[in-house]
Amino acid sequence: MTDLSVVDEAQQWAGMLERREHRGPGDTLEAARSRVARKHKLPEQLLWTLRYRKPKRIWADLYKRLELAVAAEIQSQEARLAHELEITKALAPTPSRLALVHEAEALLGAPVGSKTRASAD
């Protein structure tokens, strides 16, 4: 394993979830943190602590819940990308669109020319 500790990893995950949930100008990090906590059933205090007062250790159940929240966000993004890929494939093919399709398929891990990764599961 790398030099990244479990707490550092949890801190990065929490930050990623908050940044992902932040809606831009007019939104606050506190509101985004609250939405993340509700959406993924995480203690809001855990997210606050990981942001402002890095703990020396983290409970395994909280670490695992945070890991599952990140996995859910990644899965959601992959599903959105797969949907956008299908829309792009339905458009008239151009060299730039074909390049985008190949890049997205590579990112999703789908074989070139297949429907999507989700249909292969």
PDB file of N, CA and C in Angstrom:
ATOM      1  N   MET A   1       0.836  -1.185   0.000  1.00  0.00           N
ATOM      2  CA  MET A   1       0.000   0.000   0.000  1.00  0.00           C
ATOM      3  C   MET A   1       0.874   1.239   0.000  1.00  0.00           C
ATOM      4  N   THR A   2       0.326   2.327  -0.466  1.00  0.00           N
ATOM      5  CA  THR A   2       1.070   3.589  -0.541  1.00  0.00           C
ATOM      6  C   THR A   2       1.170   4.229   0.843  1.00  0.00           C
ATOM      7  N   ASP A   3       1.750   5.409   0.869  1.00  0.00           N
ATOM      8  CA  ASP A   3       1.905   6.146   2.120  1.00  0.00           C
ATOM      9  C   ASP A   3       0.584   6.732   2.603  1.00  0.00           C
ATOM     10  N   LEU A   4      -0.457   6.619   1.816  1.00  0.00           N
ATOM     11  CA  LEU A   4      -1.757   7.166   2.162  1.00  0.00           C
ATOM     12  C   LEU A   4      -2.377   6.342   3.287  1.00  0.00           C
ATOM     13  N   SER A   5      -2.668   6.975   4.405  1.00  0.00           N
ATOM     14  CA  SER A   5      -3.283   6.260   5.518  1.00  0.00           C
ATOM     15  C   SER A   5      -4.785   6.149   5.300  1.00  0.00           C
ATOM     16  N   VAL A   6      -5.405   5.327   6.100  1.00  0.00           N
ATOM     17  CA  VAL A   6      -6.847   5.131   6.018  1.00  0.00           C
ATOM     18  C   VAL A   6      -7.576   6.452   6.269  1.00  0.00           C
ATOM     19  N   VAL A   7      -7.118   7.216   7.230  1.00  0.00           N
ATOM     20  CA  VAL A   7      -7.752   8.496   7.547  1.00  0.00           C
ATOM     21  C   VAL A   7      -7.571   9.482   6.388  1.00  0.00           C
ATOM     22  N   ASP A   8      -6.371   9.496   5.793  1.00  0.00           N
ATOM     23  CA  ASP A   8      -6.139  10.375   4.644  1.00  0.00           C
ATOM     24  C   ASP A   8      -7.062  10.002   3.489  1.00  0.00           C
ATOM     25  N   GLU A   9      -7.224   8.712   3.258  1.00  0.00           N
ATOM     26  CA  GLU A   9      -8.102   8.247   2.193  1.00  0.00           C
ATOM     27  C   GLU A   9      -9.549   8.653   2.476  1.00  0.00           C
ATOM     28  N   ALA A  10      -9.992   8.472   3.705  1.00  0.00           N
ATOM     29  CA  ALA A  10     -11.349   8.868   4.085  1.00  0.00           C
ATOM     30  C   ALA A  10     -11.523  10.373   3.918  1.00  0.00           C
ATOM     31  N   GLN A  11     -10.500  11.140   4.258  1.00  0.00           N
ATOM     32  CA  GLN A  11     -10.551  12.591   4.113  1.00  0.00           C
ATOM     33  C   GLN A  11     -10.692  12.977   2.641  1.00  0.00           C
ATOM     34  N   GLN A  12      -9.965  12.317   1.771  1.00  0.00           N
ATOM     35  CA  GLN A  12     -10.069  12.590   0.336  1.00  0.00           C
ATOM     36  C   GLN A  12     -11.451  12.222  -0.191  1.00  0.00           C
ATOM     37  N   TRP A  13     -11.967  11.084   0.242  1.00  0.00           N
ATOM     38  CA  TRP A  13     -13.301  10.650  -0.192  1.00  0.00           C
ATOM     39  C   TRP A  13     -14.366  11.653   0.243  1.00  0.00           C
ATOM     40  N   ALA A  14     -14.296  12.080   1.501  1.00  0.00           N
ATOM     41  CA  ALA A  14     -15.281  13.038   2.017  1.00  0.00           C
ATOM     42  C   ALA A  14     -15.213  14.344   1.229  1.00  0.00           C
ATOM     43  N   GLY A  15     -14.009  14.809   0.957  1.00  0.00           N
ATOM     44  CA  GLY A  15     -13.844  16.027   0.169  1.00  0.00           C
ATOM     45  C   GLY A  15     -14.397  15.877  -1.235  1.00  0.00           C
ATOM     46  N   MET A  16     -14.169  14.721  -1.838  1.00  0.00           N
ATOM     47  CA  MET A  16     -14.680  14.477  -3.183  1.00  0.00           C
ATOM     48  C   MET A  16     -16.203  14.476  -3.183  1.00  0.00           C
ATOM     49  N   LEU A  17     -16.804  13.838  -2.195  1.00  0.00           N
ATOM     50  CA  LEU A  17     -18.262  13.798  -2.109  1.00  0.00           C
ATOM     51  C   LEU A  17     -18.841  15.200  -1.929  1.00  0.00           C
ATOM     52  N   GLU A  18     -18.205  16.009  -1.092  1.00  0.00           N
ATOM     53  CA  GLU A  18     -18.681  17.377  -0.876  1.00  0.00           C
ATOM     54  C   GLU A  18     -18.530  18.222  -2.134  1.00  0.00           C
ATOM     55  N   ARG A  19     -17.388  18.119  -2.811  1.00  0.00           N
ATOM     56  CA  ARG A  19     -17.189  18.887  -4.044  1.00  0.00           C
ATOM     57  C   ARG A  19     -18.187  18.455  -5.114  1.00  0.00           C
ATOM     58  N   ARG A  20     -18.448  17.182  -5.160  1.00  0.00           N
ATOM     59  CA  ARG A  20     -19.382  16.626  -6.144  1.00  0.00           C
ATOM     60  C   ARG A  20     -20.809  17.137  -5.904  1.00  0.00           C
ATOM     61  N   GLU A  21     -21.154  17.302  -4.642  1.00  0.00           N
ATOM     62  CA  GLU A  21     -22.507  17.727  -4.277  1.00  0.00           C
ATOM     63  C   GLU A  21     -22.674  19.241  -4.345  1.00  0.00           C
ATOM     64  N   HIS A  22     -21.580  19.982  -4.255  1.00  0.00           N
ATOM     65  CA  HIS A  22     -21.652  21.442  -4.260  1.00  0.00           C
ATOM     66  C   HIS A  22     -22.238  21.926  -5.576  1.00  0.00           C
ATOM     67  N   ARG A  23     -23.199  22.829  -5.503  1.00  0.00           N
ATOM     68  CA  ARG A  23     -23.949  23.264  -6.684  1.00  0.00           C
ATOM     69  C   ARG A  23     -23.440  24.555  -7.303  1.00  0.00           C
ATOM     70  N   GLY A  24     -22.352  25.085  -6.793  1.00  0.00           N
ATOM     71  CA  GLY A  24     -21.771  26.281  -7.389  1.00  0.00           C
ATOM     72  C   GLY A  24     -22.104  27.545  -6.619  1.00  0.00           C
ATOM     73  N   PRO A  25     -21.979  28.704  -7.283  1.00  0.00           N
ATOM     74  CA  PRO A  25     -22.217  29.984  -6.612  1.00  0.00           C
ATOM     75  C   PRO A  25     -23.594  30.026  -5.959  1.00  0.00           C
ATOM     76  N   GLY A  26     -23.627  30.518  -4.734  1.00  0.00           N
ATOM     77  CA  GLY A  26     -24.882  30.603  -4.000  1.00  0.00           C
ATOM     78  C   GLY A  26     -25.089  29.421  -3.066  1.00  0.00           C
ATOM     79  N   ASP A  27     -24.378  28.343  -3.303  1.00  0.00           N
ATOM     80  CA  ASP A  27     -24.461  27.165  -2.436  1.00  0.00           C
ATOM     81  C   ASP A  27     -23.309  27.247  -1.434  1.00  0.00           C
ATOM     82  N   THR A  28     -23.486  26.606  -0.301  1.00  0.00           N
ATOM     83  CA  THR A  28     -22.420  26.598   0.700  1.00  0.00           C
ATOM     84  C   THR A  28     -21.902  25.185   0.881  1.00  0.00           C
ATOM     85  N   LEU A  29     -20.681  25.096   1.379  1.00  0.00           N
ATOM     86  CA  LEU A  29     -20.119  23.775   1.665  1.00  0.00           C
ATOM     87  C   LEU A  29     -20.897  23.093   2.778  1.00  0.00           C
ATOM     88  N   GLU A  30     -21.413  23.871   3.721  1.00  0.00           N
ATOM     89  CA  GLU A  30     -22.199  23.297   4.806  1.00  0.00           C
ATOM     90  C   GLU A  30     -23.461  22.636   4.257  1.00  0.00           C
ATOM     91  N   ALA A  31     -24.122  23.300   3.315  1.00  0.00           N
ATOM     92  CA  ALA A  31     -25.327  22.730   2.709  1.00  0.00           C
ATOM     93  C   ALA A  31     -24.983  21.479   1.910  1.00  0.00           C
ATOM     94  N   ALA A  32     -23.872  21.528   1.173  1.00  0.00           N
ATOM     95  CA  ALA A  32     -23.449  20.361   0.402  1.00  0.00           C
ATOM     96  C   ALA A  32     -23.116  19.205   1.339  1.00  0.00           C
ATOM     97  N   ARG A  33     -22.440  19.509   2.440  1.00  0.00           N
ATOM     98  CA  ARG A  33     -22.091  18.468   3.421  1.00  0.00           C
ATOM     99  C   ARG A  33     -23.357  17.854   4.004  1.00  0.00           C
ATOM    100  N   SER A  34     -24.326  18.672   4.289  1.00  0.00           N
ATOM    101  CA  SER A  34     -25.587  18.181   4.833  1.00  0.00           C
ATOM    102  C   SER A  34     -26.302  17.276   3.827  1.00  0.00           C
ATOM    103  N   ARG A  35     -26.296  17.672   2.565  1.00  0.00           N
ATOM    104  CA  ARG A  35     -26.933  16.839   1.528  1.00  0.00           C
ATOM    105  C   ARG A  35     -26.205  15.509   1.365  1.00  0.00           C
ATOM    106  N   VAL A  36     -24.881  15.545   1.404  1.00  0.00           N
ATOM    107  CA  VAL A  36     -24.100  14.298   1.309  1.00  0.00           C
ATOM    108  C   VAL A  36     -24.443  13.382   2.470  1.00  0.00           C
ATOM    109  N   ALA A  37     -24.507  13.948   3.661  1.00  0.00           N
ATOM    110  CA  ALA A  37     -24.805  13.139   4.852  1.00  0.00           C
ATOM    111  C   ALA A  37     -26.185  12.489   4.733  1.00  0.00           C
ATOM    112  N   ARG A  38     -27.182  13.254   4.305  1.00  0.00           N
ATOM    113  CA  ARG A  38     -28.532  12.692   4.146  1.00  0.00           C
ATOM    114  C   ARG A  38     -28.581  11.657   3.025  1.00  0.00           C
ATOM    115  N   LYS A  39     -27.991  12.006   1.892  1.00  0.00           N
ATOM    116  CA  LYS A  39     -28.050  11.144   0.710  1.00  0.00           C
ATOM    117  C   LYS A  39     -27.402   9.786   0.958  1.00  0.00           C
ATOM    118  N   HIS A  40     -26.274   9.771   1.655  1.00  0.00           N
ATOM    119  CA  HIS A  40     -25.529   8.530   1.851  1.00  0.00           C
ATOM    120  C   HIS A  40     -25.622   7.979   3.277  1.00  0.00           C
ATOM    121  N   LYS A  41     -26.493   8.600   4.083  1.00  0.00           N
ATOM    122  CA  LYS A  41     -26.702   8.161   5.465  1.00  0.00           C
ATOM    123  C   LYS A  41     -25.382   8.099   6.252  1.00  0.00           C
ATOM    124  N   LEU A  42     -24.642   9.194   6.142  1.00  0.00           N
ATOM    125  CA  LEU A  42     -23.384   9.351   6.873  1.00  0.00           C
ATOM    126  C   LEU A  42     -23.581  10.373   7.981  1.00  0.00           C
ATOM    127  N   PRO A  43     -22.877  10.224   9.087  1.00  0.00           N
ATOM    128  CA  PRO A  43     -22.954  11.265  10.118  1.00  0.00           C
ATOM    129  C   PRO A  43     -22.315  12.566   9.602  1.00  0.00           C
ATOM    130  N   GLU A  44     -23.080  13.646   9.678  1.00  0.00           N
ATOM    131  CA  GLU A  44     -22.554  14.924   9.208  1.00  0.00           C
ATOM    132  C   GLU A  44     -21.314  15.330  10.005  1.00  0.00           C
ATOM    133  N   GLN A  45     -21.270  14.951  11.262  1.00  0.00           N
ATOM    134  CA  GLN A  45     -20.113  15.269  12.105  1.00  0.00           C
ATOM    135  C   GLN A  45     -18.844  14.594  11.566  1.00  0.00           C
ATOM    136  N   LEU A  46     -18.973  13.400  11.012  1.00  0.00           N
ATOM    137  CA  LEU A  46     -17.819  12.716  10.419  1.00  0.00           C
ATOM    138  C   LEU A  46     -17.258  13.537   9.271  1.00  0.00           C
ATOM    139  N   LEU A  47     -18.133  14.013   8.387  1.00  0.00           N
ATOM    140  CA  LEU A  47     -17.688  14.813   7.245  1.00  0.00           C
ATOM    141  C   LEU A  47     -17.045  16.118   7.709  1.00  0.00           C
ATOM    142  N   TRP A  48     -17.638  16.749   8.720  1.00  0.00           N
ATOM    143  CA  TRP A  48     -17.079  17.987   9.256  1.00  0.00           C
ATOM    144  C   TRP A  48     -15.684  17.724   9.831  1.00  0.00           C
ATOM    145  N   THR A  49     -15.570  16.661  10.624  1.00  0.00           N
ATOM    146  CA  THR A  49     -14.298  16.331  11.267  1.00  0.00           C
ATOM    147  C   THR A  49     -13.221  16.032  10.229  1.00  0.00           C
ATOM    148  N   LEU A  50     -13.571  15.287   9.209  1.00  0.00           N
ATOM    149  CA  LEU A  50     -12.586  14.965   8.180  1.00  0.00           C
ATOM    150  C   LEU A  50     -12.128  16.211   7.422  1.00  0.00           C
ATOM    151  N   ARG A  51     -12.968  17.220   7.372  1.00  0.00           N
ATOM    152  CA  ARG A  51     -12.594  18.446   6.673  1.00  0.00           C
ATOM    153  C   ARG A  51     -11.773  19.391   7.555  1.00  0.00           C
ATOM    154  N   TYR A  52     -12.194  19.577   8.802  1.00  0.00           N
ATOM    155  CA  TYR A  52     -11.591  20.618   9.632  1.00  0.00           C
ATOM    156  C   TYR A  52     -10.650  20.116  10.717  1.00  0.00           C
ATOM    157  N   ARG A  53     -10.856  18.951  11.246  1.00  0.00           N
ATOM    158  CA  ARG A  53     -10.002  18.424  12.312  1.00  0.00           C
ATOM    159  C   ARG A  53      -9.714  16.962  12.058  1.00  0.00           C
ATOM    160  N   LYS A  54      -8.704  16.726  11.257  1.00  0.00           N
ATOM    161  CA  LYS A  54      -8.376  15.365  10.856  1.00  0.00           C
ATOM    162  C   LYS A  54      -8.149  14.479  12.077  1.00  0.00           C
ATOM    163  N   PRO A  55      -8.940  13.417  12.203  1.00  0.00           N
ATOM    164  CA  PRO A  55      -8.772  12.527  13.351  1.00  0.00           C
ATOM    165  C   PRO A  55      -7.535  11.646  13.195  1.00  0.00           C
ATOM    166  N   LYS A  56      -7.117  11.050  14.285  1.00  0.00           N
ATOM    167  CA  LYS A  56      -5.975  10.141  14.239  1.00  0.00           C
ATOM    168  C   LYS A  56      -6.386   8.765  13.719  1.00  0.00           C
ATOM    169  N   ARG A  57      -7.650   8.430  13.911  1.00  0.00           N
ATOM    170  CA  ARG A  57      -8.163   7.139  13.432  1.00  0.00           C
ATOM    171  C   ARG A  57      -9.637   7.296  13.098  1.00  0.00           C
ATOM    172  N   ILE A  58     -10.151   6.293  12.388  1.00  0.00           N
ATOM    173  CA  ILE A  58     -11.549   6.307  11.986  1.00  0.00           C
ATOM    174  C   ILE A  58     -12.119   4.919  12.228  1.00  0.00           C
ATOM    175  N   TRP A  59     -13.356   4.870  12.681  1.00  0.00           N
ATOM    176  CA  TRP A  59     -14.001   3.587  12.919  1.00  0.00           C
ATOM    177  C   TRP A  59     -14.201   2.862  11.595  1.00  0.00           C
ATOM    178  N   ALA A  60     -14.062   1.556  11.617  1.00  0.00           N
ATOM    179  CA  ALA A  60     -14.152   0.748  10.402  1.00  0.00           C
ATOM    180  C   ALA A  60     -15.525   0.861   9.740  1.00  0.00           C
ATOM    181  N   ASP A  61     -16.598   0.894  10.542  1.00  0.00           N
ATOM    182  CA  ASP A  61     -17.937   0.979   9.940  1.00  0.00           C
ATOM    183  C   ASP A  61     -18.139   2.311   9.227  1.00  0.00           C
ATOM    184  N   LEU A  62     -17.602   3.398   9.778  1.00  0.00           N
ATOM    185  CA  LEU A  62     -17.720   4.698   9.132  1.00  0.00           C
ATOM    186  C   LEU A  62     -16.872   4.749   7.859  1.00  0.00           C
ATOM    187  N   TYR A  63     -15.688   4.166   7.927  1.00  0.00           N
ATOM    188  CA  TYR A  63     -14.816   4.095   6.755  1.00  0.00           C
ATOM    189  C   TYR A  63     -15.509   3.329   5.627  1.00  0.00           C
ATOM    190  N   LYS A  64     -16.118   2.204   5.976  1.00  0.00           N
ATOM    191  CA  LYS A  64     -16.786   1.368   4.978  1.00  0.00           C
ATOM    192  C   LYS A  64     -17.996   2.102   4.379  1.00  0.00           C
ATOM    193  N   ARG A  65     -18.769   2.800   5.214  1.00  0.00           N
ATOM    194  CA  ARG A  65     -19.919   3.556   4.702  1.00  0.00           C
ATOM    195  C   ARG A  65     -19.465   4.665   3.763  1.00  0.00           C
ATOM    196  N   LEU A  66     -18.361   5.294   4.094  1.00  0.00           N
ATOM    197  CA  LEU A  66     -17.800   6.328   3.228  1.00  0.00           C
ATOM    198  C   LEU A  66     -17.325   5.716   1.908  1.00  0.00           C
ATOM    199  N   GLU A  67     -16.696   4.564   1.987  1.00  0.00           N
ATOM    200  CA  GLU A  67     -16.246   3.864   0.784  1.00  0.00           C
ATOM    201  C   GLU A  67     -17.437   3.487  -0.109  1.00  0.00           C
ATOM    202  N   LEU A  68     -18.520   3.015   0.490  1.00  0.00           N
ATOM    203  CA  LEU A  68     -19.718   2.663  -0.267  1.00  0.00           C
ATOM    204  C   LEU A  68     -20.363   3.895  -0.901  1.00  0.00           C
ATOM    205  N   ALA A  69     -20.318   5.026  -0.210  1.00  0.00           N
ATOM    206  CA  ALA A  69     -20.859   6.268  -0.756  1.00  0.00           C
ATOM    207  C   ALA A  69     -20.073   6.690  -1.998  1.00  0.00           C
ATOM    208  N   VAL A  70     -18.759   6.572  -1.931  1.00  0.00           N
ATOM    209  CA  VAL A  70     -17.923   6.920  -3.083  1.00  0.00           C
ATOM    210  C   VAL A  70     -18.206   5.960  -4.235  1.00  0.00           C
ATOM    211  N   ALA A  71     -18.333   4.683  -3.943  1.00  0.00           N
ATOM    212  CA  ALA A  71     -18.638   3.701  -4.983  1.00  0.00           C
ATOM    213  C   ALA A  71     -19.989   4.000  -5.636  1.00  0.00           C
ATOM    214  N   ALA A  72     -20.963   4.417  -4.846  1.00  0.00           N
ATOM    215  CA  ALA A  72     -22.278   4.761  -5.387  1.00  0.00           C
ATOM    216  C   ALA A  72     -22.180   5.980  -6.307  1.00  0.00           C
ATOM    217  N   GLU A  73     -21.388   6.975  -5.925  1.00  0.00           N
ATOM    218  CA  GLU A  73     -21.208   8.159  -6.766  1.00  0.00           C
ATOM    219  C   GLU A  73     -20.512   7.803  -8.076  1.00  0.00           C
ATOM    220  N   ILE A  74     -19.526   6.940  -8.007  1.00  0.00           N
ATOM    221  CA  ILE A  74     -18.816   6.519  -9.219  1.00  0.00           C
ATOM    222  C   ILE A  74     -19.766   5.762 -10.137  1.00  0.00           C
ATOM    223  N   GLN A  75     -20.558   4.871  -9.558  1.00  0.00           N
ATOM    224  CA  GLN A  75     -21.516   4.110 -10.357  1.00  0.00           C
ATOM    225  C   GLN A  75     -22.539   5.049 -11.008  1.00  0.00           C
ATOM    226  N   SER A  76     -22.978   6.046 -10.269  1.00  0.00           N
ATOM    227  CA  SER A  76     -23.923   7.024 -10.810  1.00  0.00           C
ATOM    228  C   SER A  76     -23.311   7.775 -11.989  1.00  0.00           C
ATOM    229  N   GLN A  77     -22.064   8.186 -11.853  1.00  0.00           N
ATOM    230  CA  GLN A  77     -21.397   8.909 -12.935  1.00  0.00           C
ATOM    231  C   GLN A  77     -21.206   8.026 -14.165  1.00  0.00           C
ATOM    232  N   GLU A  78     -20.863   6.756 -13.933  1.00  0.00           N
ATOM    233  CA  GLU A  78     -20.701   5.840 -15.056  1.00  0.00           C
ATOM    234  C   GLU A  78     -22.027   5.619 -15.776  1.00  0.00           C
ATOM    235  N   ALA A  79     -23.116   5.536 -15.032  1.00  0.00           N
ATOM    236  CA  ALA A  79     -24.434   5.370 -15.648  1.00  0.00           C
ATOM    237  C   ALA A  79     -24.798   6.604 -16.470  1.00  0.00           C
ATOM    238  N   ARG A  80     -24.493   7.793 -15.952  1.00  0.00           N
ATOM    239  CA  ARG A  80     -24.758   9.026 -16.703  1.00  0.00           C
ATOM    240  C   ARG A  80     -23.920   9.081 -17.978  1.00  0.00           C
ATOM    241  N   LEU A  81     -22.652   8.675 -17.865  1.00  0.00           N
ATOM    242  CA  LEU A  81     -21.785   8.665 -19.034  1.00  0.00           C
ATOM    243  C   LEU A  81     -22.296   7.663 -20.068  1.00  0.00           C
ATOM    244  N   ALA A  82     -22.740   6.499 -19.628  1.00  0.00           N
ATOM    245  CA  ALA A  82     -23.276   5.495 -20.549  1.00  0.00           C
ATOM    246  C   ALA A  82     -24.514   6.038 -21.271  1.00  0.00           C
ATOM    247  N   HIS A  83     -25.361   6.746 -20.539  1.00  0.00           N
ATOM    248  CA  HIS A  83     -26.555   7.348 -21.145  1.00  0.00           C
ATOM    249  C   HIS A  83     -26.164   8.395 -22.190  1.00  0.00           C
ATOM    250  N   GLU A  84     -25.237   9.263 -21.841  1.00  0.00           N
ATOM    251  CA  GLU A  84     -24.768  10.277 -22.774  1.00  0.00           C
ATOM    252  C   GLU A  84     -24.103   9.632 -23.992  1.00  0.00           C
ATOM    253  N   LEU A  85     -23.429   8.522 -23.774  1.00  0.00           N
ATOM    254  CA  LEU A  85     -22.793   7.801 -24.865  1.00  0.00           C
ATOM    255  C   LEU A  85     -23.838   7.287 -25.854  1.00  0.00           C
ATOM    256  N   GLU A  86     -24.927   6.747 -25.339  1.00  0.00           N
ATOM    257  CA  GLU A  86     -26.001   6.260 -26.212  1.00  0.00           C
ATOM    258  C   GLU A  86     -26.621   7.402 -27.018  1.00  0.00           C
ATOM    259  N   ILE A  87     -26.794   8.550 -26.388  1.00  0.00           N
ATOM    260  CA  ILE A  87     -27.338   9.722 -27.092  1.00  0.00           C
ATOM    261  C   ILE A  87     -26.373  10.157 -28.195  1.00  0.00           C
ATOM    262  N   THR A  88     -25.084  10.181 -27.888  1.00  0.00           N
ATOM    263  CA  THR A  88     -24.080  10.586 -28.866  1.00  0.00           C
ATOM    264  C   THR A  88     -24.021   9.600 -30.025  1.00  0.00           C
ATOM    265  N   LYS A  89     -24.151   8.309 -29.730  1.00  0.00           N
ATOM    266  CA  LYS A  89     -24.135   7.297 -30.791  1.00  0.00           C
ATOM    267  C   LYS A  89     -25.333   7.454 -31.730  1.00  0.00           C
ATOM    268  N   ALA A  90     -26.449   7.949 -31.220  1.00  0.00           N
ATOM    269  CA  ALA A  90     -27.652   8.108 -32.033  1.00  0.00           C
ATOM    270  C   ALA A  90     -27.544   9.283 -33.004  1.00  0.00           C
ATOM    271  N   LEU A  91     -26.622  10.194 -32.757  1.00  0.00           N
ATOM    272  CA  LEU A  91     -26.430  11.334 -33.645  1.00  0.00           C
ATOM    273  C   LEU A  91     -25.652  10.913 -34.888  1.00  0.00           C
ATOM    274  N   ALA A  92     -25.706  11.744 -35.895  1.00  0.00           N
ATOM    275  CA  ALA A  92     -24.965  11.460 -37.132  1.00  0.00           C
ATOM    276  C   ALA A  92     -23.470  11.376 -36.824  1.00  0.00           C
ATOM    277  N   PRO A  93     -22.792  10.342 -37.324  1.00  0.00           N
ATOM    278  CA  PRO A  93     -21.367  10.180 -37.004  1.00  0.00           C
ATOM    279  C   PRO A  93     -20.496  11.230 -37.701  1.00  0.00           C
ATOM    280  N   THR A  94     -19.622  11.808 -36.932  1.00  0.00           N
ATOM    281  CA  THR A  94     -18.598  12.714 -37.449  1.00  0.00           C
ATOM    282  C   THR A  94     -17.284  12.236 -36.847  1.00  0.00           C
ATOM    283  N   PRO A  95     -16.168  12.634 -37.394  1.00  0.00           N
ATOM    284  CA  PRO A  95     -14.885  12.196 -36.819  1.00  0.00           C
ATOM    285  C   PRO A  95     -14.733  12.561 -35.339  1.00  0.00           C
ATOM    286  N   SER A  96     -15.159  13.747 -34.976  1.00  0.00           N
ATOM    287  CA  SER A  96     -15.013  14.147 -33.570  1.00  0.00           C
ATOM    288  C   SER A  96     -15.958  13.354 -32.666  1.00  0.00           C
ATOM    289  N   ARG A  97     -17.184  13.094 -33.131  1.00  0.00           N
ATOM    290  CA  ARG A  97     -18.112  12.290 -32.334  1.00  0.00           C
ATOM    291  C   ARG A  97     -17.606  10.869 -32.177  1.00  0.00           C
ATOM    292  N   LEU A  98     -17.072  10.300 -33.249  1.00  0.00           N
ATOM    293  CA  LEU A  98     -16.540   8.939 -33.165  1.00  0.00           C
ATOM    294  C   LEU A  98     -15.381   8.866 -32.174  1.00  0.00           C
ATOM    295  N   ALA A  99     -14.542   9.904 -32.178  1.00  0.00           N
ATOM    296  CA  ALA A  99     -13.439   9.953 -31.214  1.00  0.00           C
ATOM    297  C   ALA A  99     -13.981  10.018 -29.793  1.00  0.00           C
ATOM    298  N   LEU A 100     -15.021  10.822 -29.574  1.00  0.00           N
ATOM    299  CA  LEU A 100     -15.636  10.907 -28.239  1.00  0.00           C
ATOM    300  C   LEU A 100     -16.247   9.574 -27.822  1.00  0.00           C
ATOM    301  N   VAL A 101     -16.903   8.900 -28.755  1.00  0.00           N
ATOM    302  CA  VAL A 101     -17.516   7.600 -28.456  1.00  0.00           C
ATOM    303  C   VAL A 101     -16.440   6.594 -28.062  1.00  0.00           C
ATOM    304  N   HIS A 102     -15.359   6.540 -28.828  1.00  0.00           N
ATOM    305  CA  HIS A 102     -14.278   5.597 -28.510  1.00  0.00           C
ATOM    306  C   HIS A 102     -13.644   5.912 -27.154  1.00  0.00           C
ATOM    307  N   GLU A 103     -13.470   7.192 -26.866  1.00  0.00           N
ATOM    308  CA  GLU A 103     -12.886   7.596 -25.582  1.00  0.00           C
ATOM    309  C   GLU A 103     -13.805   7.217 -24.424  1.00  0.00           C
ATOM    310  N   ALA A 104     -15.102   7.459 -24.589  1.00  0.00           N
ATOM    311  CA  ALA A 104     -16.062   7.133 -23.528  1.00  0.00           C
ATOM    312  C   ALA A 104     -16.161   5.626 -23.334  1.00  0.00           C
ATOM    313  N   GLU A 105     -16.153   4.869 -24.425  1.00  0.00           N
ATOM    314  CA  GLU A 105     -16.201   3.412 -24.312  1.00  0.00           C
ATOM    315  C   GLU A 105     -14.962   2.883 -23.606  1.00  0.00           C
ATOM    316  N   ALA A 106     -13.809   3.476 -23.911  1.00  0.00           N
ATOM    317  CA  ALA A 106     -12.580   3.056 -23.243  1.00  0.00           C
ATOM    318  C   ALA A 106     -12.653   3.373 -21.748  1.00  0.00           C
ATOM    319  N   LEU A 107     -13.200   4.521 -21.424  1.00  0.00           N
ATOM    320  CA  LEU A 107     -13.329   4.909 -20.022  1.00  0.00           C
ATOM    321  C   LEU A 107     -14.267   3.972 -19.268  1.00  0.00           C
ATOM    322  N   LEU A 108     -15.350   3.590 -19.911  1.00  0.00           N
ATOM    323  CA  LEU A 108     -16.315   2.682 -19.287  1.00  0.00           C
ATOM    324  C   LEU A 108     -15.849   1.236 -19.314  1.00  0.00           C
ATOM    325  N   GLY A 109     -14.824   0.952 -20.096  1.00  0.00           N
ATOM    326  CA  GLY A 109     -14.325  -0.413 -20.172  1.00  0.00           C
ATOM    327  C   GLY A 109     -15.127  -1.281 -21.118  1.00  0.00           C
ATOM    328  N   ALA A 110     -15.941  -0.660 -21.953  1.00  0.00           N
ATOM    329  CA  ALA A 110     -16.750  -1.414 -22.903  1.00  0.00           C
ATOM    330  C   ALA A 110     -15.929  -1.675 -24.153  1.00  0.00           C
ATOM    331  N   PRO A 111     -16.092  -2.839 -24.775  1.00  0.00           N
ATOM    332  CA  PRO A 111     -15.390  -3.083 -26.035  1.00  0.00           C
ATOM    333  C   PRO A 111     -15.877  -2.108 -27.101  1.00  0.00           C
ATOM    334  N   VAL A 112     -14.995  -1.707 -27.978  1.00  0.00           N
ATOM    335  CA  VAL A 112     -15.329  -0.744 -29.019  1.00  0.00           C
ATOM    336  C   VAL A 112     -16.458  -1.298 -29.875  1.00  0.00           C
ATOM    337  N   GLY A 113     -17.489  -0.473 -30.089  1.00  0.00           N
ATOM    338  CA  GLY A 113     -18.609  -0.874 -30.918  1.00  0.00           C
ATOM    339  C   GLY A 113     -19.725  -1.564 -30.163  1.00  0.00           C
ATOM    340  N   SER A 114     -19.531  -1.865 -28.894  1.00  0.00           N
ATOM    341  CA  SER A 114     -20.610  -2.521 -28.131  1.00  0.00           C
ATOM    342  C   SER A 114     -21.607  -1.478 -27.661  1.00  0.00           C
ATOM    343  N   LYS A 115     -22.739  -1.938 -27.150  1.00  0.00           N
ATOM    344  CA  LYS A 115     -23.769  -1.010 -26.665  1.00  0.00           C
ATOM    345  C   LYS A 115     -23.212  -0.181 -25.516  1.00  0.00           C
ATOM    346  N   THR A 116     -23.086  -0.771 -24.337  1.00  0.00           N
ATOM    347  CA  THR A 116     -22.483  -0.117 -23.166  1.00  0.00           C
ATOM    348  C   THR A 116     -21.991  -1.203 -22.239  1.00  0.00           C
ATOM    349  N   ARG A 117     -21.243  -0.781 -21.237  1.00  0.00           N
ATOM    350  CA  ARG A 117     -20.772  -1.736 -20.246  1.00  0.00           C
ATOM    351  C   ARG A 117     -21.936  -2.321 -19.454  1.00  0.00           C
ATOM    352  N   ALA A 118     -22.946  -1.495 -19.187  1.00  0.00           N
ATOM    353  CA  ALA A 118     -24.082  -1.946 -18.388  1.00  0.00           C
ATOM    354  C   ALA A 118     -24.829  -3.086 -19.083  1.00  0.00           C
ATOM    355  N   SER A 119     -24.903  -3.052 -20.417  1.00  0.00           N
ATOM    356  CA  SER A 119     -25.608  -4.118 -21.113  1.00  0.00           C
ATOM    357  C   SER A 119     -24.801  -5.407 -21.108  1.00  0.00           C
ATOM    358  N   ALA A 120     -23.493  -5.326 -20.884  1.00  0.00           N
ATOM    359  CA  ALA A 120     -22.662  -6.523 -20.847  1.00  0.00           C
ATOM    360  C   ALA A 120     -22.772  -7.237 -19.509  1.00  0.00           C
ATOM    361  N   ASP A 121     -23.237  -6.511 -18.459  1.00  0.00           N
ATOM    362  CA  ASP A 121     -23.339  -7.115 -17.117  1.00  0.00           C
ATOM    363  C   ASP A 121     -24.511  -8.063 -17.008  1.00  0.00           C
TER     364      ASP A 121
END
